Amino acid sequence: MAAQTAGTVSRFHGWREWEADSFEVRSEERIEAGVDGEALQFDSPLRFEIVPGALRVRVAPHHPGYSPAALAESVRRGGIRRLVGVAIGRDPGGVQMTDEK
């Protein structure tokens, strides 16, 4: 896991990597897997498939790491008042955008 996190796992002998739009896992027994931290069992075969646009990620404006650049669209729509608000560290909704806890 440390090598994967550091981006060096491909340097290890025996590492194989591929890309596919879908794949199946087949087993004579039920397949054990962790889903969202929960231990589950699935019947075989277990099919994985890429579905473009199926995943949407939403990040709250006050979440650490939220990009003020994401406010660009709302600034374009809201004019100078919103621009000034962003410049002083407030989003259009009035949420303080600082690293303070």
Protein backbone atom coordinates (compact mmCIF):
# COMPACT_ATOMS: atom_id res chain seq x y z
CA MET A 1 0.00 0.00 0.00
CA ALA A 2 2.85 2.37 0.80
CA ALA A 3 4.40 1.80 -2.64
CA GLN A 4 1.04 2.42 -4.32
CA THR A 5 0.55 5.63 -2.35
CA ALA A 6 4.06 6.78 -3.26
CA GLY A 7 3.44 5.93 -6.93
CA THR A 8 6.30 3.40 -7.07
CA VAL A 9 4.44 0.08 -7.14
CA SER A 10 5.15 -0.43 -10.86
CA ARG A 11 8.88 -0.76 -10.04
CA PHE A 12 8.34 -4.07 -8.24
CA HIS A 13 9.09 -7.34 -10.09
CA GLY A 14 5.93 -9.24 -10.84
CA TRP A 15 3.61 -6.21 -10.80
CA ARG A 16 1.06 -6.38 -13.61
CA GLU A 17 -1.32 -3.63 -14.58
CA TRP A 18 -4.06 -3.40 -17.19
CA GLU A 19 -7.14 -1.40 -18.11
CA ALA A 20 -10.56 -2.73 -19.07
CA ASP A 21 -14.09 -1.36 -19.34
CA SER A 22 -15.36 -4.40 -17.42
CA PHE A 23 -14.22 -7.64 -15.81
CA GLU A 24 -15.64 -10.60 -13.91
CA VAL A 25 -14.45 -12.44 -10.83
CA ARG A 26 -15.49 -16.10 -10.83
CA SER A 27 -15.28 -18.49 -7.91
CA GLU A 28 -16.73 -21.83 -6.86
CA GLU A 29 -17.47 -20.23 -3.49
CA ARG A 30 -19.10 -16.96 -2.49
CA ILE A 31 -16.83 -13.95 -3.03
CA GLU A 32 -15.91 -11.94 0.06
CA ALA A 33 -15.44 -8.20 -0.43
CA GLY A 34 -15.34 -5.01 1.59
CA VAL A 35 -17.84 -2.36 0.48
CA ASP A 36 -17.83 1.00 2.26
CA GLY A 37 -16.07 -0.61 5.21
CA GLU A 38 -18.58 -3.44 5.52
CA ALA A 39 -17.65 -7.12 5.04
CA LEU A 40 -20.03 -8.67 2.48
CA GLN A 41 -20.34 -11.88 0.47
CA PHE A 42 -21.50 -12.05 -3.14
CA ASP A 43 -22.52 -14.87 -5.44
CA SER A 44 -20.19 -15.67 -8.33
CA PRO A 45 -19.67 -14.30 -10.90
CA LEU A 46 -19.09 -10.77 -9.66
CA ARG A 47 -19.05 -8.27 -12.54
CA PHE A 48 -17.37 -4.86 -12.42
CA GLU A 49 -18.12 -2.29 -15.10
CA ILE A 50 -17.21 1.30 -15.83
CA VAL A 51 -20.29 3.50 -16.27
CA PRO A 52 -19.25 6.99 -17.44
CA GLY A 53 -20.79 9.78 -15.38
CA ALA A 54 -22.16 7.41 -12.71
CA LEU A 55 -20.10 8.87 -9.88
CA ARG A 56 -20.71 12.39 -8.63
CA VAL A 57 -18.68 13.92 -5.85
CA ARG A 58 -19.92 16.89 -3.87
CA VAL A 59 -17.70 18.85 -1.52
CA ALA A 60 -19.10 21.35 0.98
CA PRO A 61 -17.72 24.91 0.57
CA HIS A 62 -16.43 24.88 4.16
CA HIS A 63 -14.64 21.53 3.77
CA PRO A 64 -10.83 21.67 4.15
CA GLY A 65 -9.26 21.73 0.71
CA TYR A 66 -12.26 23.32 -0.99
CA SER A 67 -10.99 25.38 -3.88
CA PRO A 68 -11.99 29.06 -3.99
CA ALA A 69 -11.56 28.71 -7.76
CA ALA A 70 -14.74 26.61 -7.70
CA LEU A 71 -16.60 29.81 -6.90
CA ALA A 72 -15.68 31.31 -10.27
CA GLU A 73 -19.04 30.46 -11.87
CA SER A 74 -21.06 31.95 -9.03
CA VAL A 75 -18.88 35.07 -9.14
CA ARG A 76 -19.57 35.45 -12.88
CA ARG A 77 -23.29 35.25 -12.16
CA GLY A 78 -23.28 37.43 -9.02
CA GLY A 79 -21.21 40.36 -10.11
CA ILE A 80 -19.01 42.64 -8.09
CA ARG A 81 -20.69 42.04 -4.71
CA ARG A 82 -19.87 38.35 -4.83
CA LEU A 83 -16.40 39.04 -6.18
CA VAL A 84 -15.67 41.26 -3.18
CA GLY A 85 -17.09 38.58 -0.87
CA VAL A 86 -14.76 35.95 -2.33
CA ALA A 87 -11.81 38.35 -2.11
CA ILE A 88 -12.33 38.88 1.63
CA GLY A 89 -12.69 35.13 2.25
CA ARG A 90 -16.44 34.65 2.20
CA ASP A 91 -18.30 32.49 -0.28
CA PRO A 92 -21.57 33.74 -1.84
CA GLY A 93 -23.53 32.00 0.90
CA GLY A 94 -21.65 33.83 3.63
CA VAL A 95 -19.60 30.84 4.85
CA GLN A 96 -16.18 31.90 6.15
CA MET A 97 -13.45 30.31 3.99
CA THR A 98 -10.44 30.07 6.32
CA ASP A 99 -8.38 27.23 7.73
CA GLU A 100 -9.45 28.13 11.29
CA LYS A 101 -11.11 25.40 13.31
